[in-house]
Amino acid sequence: MSTNKEIQRKRMLLYFIEATNKIIDNDGIENVTIRNVADIAGYNSATLYNYFEDLDHLIFFTSMKYLKEYILELPKFIKNSNNSLEVFMKTWECFCKFSFENPKIFYNIFFGKYKDILKETINEYYNIFPEELGESNGEILKMLKFQSIYDRNKIILYPLIEDGIIKEEYFDIINQTIIYSFQGILHEKVVGNEKSIEQSIRETMKIIEYIIMKRN
C-alpha cells in the first residue's frame, strides 16, 4: 500500500509531467522552461526542483510518455514474423518510425544527459502510468526495462546467434555498430536534415541489414 508521501510524490510528478507535455505538444520541446512548466502546473519553480534535478531531467522524465505509441504498436509490427531475423528487423523498423517522428524526444531518452538512469526512470514512470504499457508481452517488457539501448538491443539480437544467422564472436561489434549507425541518423534528424521519415527509415534498415548479413 502506498504511503501518503508516495501518493503526494506521484501527484506532484503528474502535475509537472502533464504541464511539460502540454508545452511540448503545443510549442515544441525547445520551448520548455522550468518557469513555464511551474506556472502551468500551478506551483513555483522551487517546488519543481524538489522533484527534478534540472530542466534536462524534467524533459527526460516526461519523454517516457512518447514511448507509449511505440510500445502499443510494436506487437502489431512483429505479429506475423516467421523467425528471429524478421522479429529483429521489424522491431527496428517500428523503433525507427517512432524515433524519426519525434527525433528530439527519442534522442533525449536514449542518448541524452540522463540516459544512464533510463531503467529507473522507466520503472518510476510506469508505476505512475501503468496503463501506458498497453498489452506488451514479456519480451517487450524485458527489453524496455534494460538500462541502455545497447542492452535492449541485445535482447532481440541474441536469438540470431541461436538461429545461426550471426556468429557469437561478432555479437558485440554488431550490436555497437547498429546503435552507432542509428544514433548518427537520428542526430541528423535532430539538427534538421531534409530527408523524409520514410527515407531515414529505409536508410537505417539498409544499414542494419548490411551489418547483419556482413557478419553471418
Foldseek 3Di string as FASTA:
>chain_A
DDDPVRVVLLVLLVLLLVLQVVCCVPPNNVPDALQSSCVSSVHGSVVVCVNAVHSLRNLLLSLLLLCLVLLVCLCVQCVPPDALVSNLLSNLLSVLLSCLVPLVSVCSCAPNPPLQCNLVSNVVSCVSVVCSNPPHDDLVVVLNNDRHVLSSSLSSQVVCCVVVQAPPVCSNVLSVVLVVVLSVLSVCSVVPDDDDSVVSSVVSSVVNVCSSNVGD
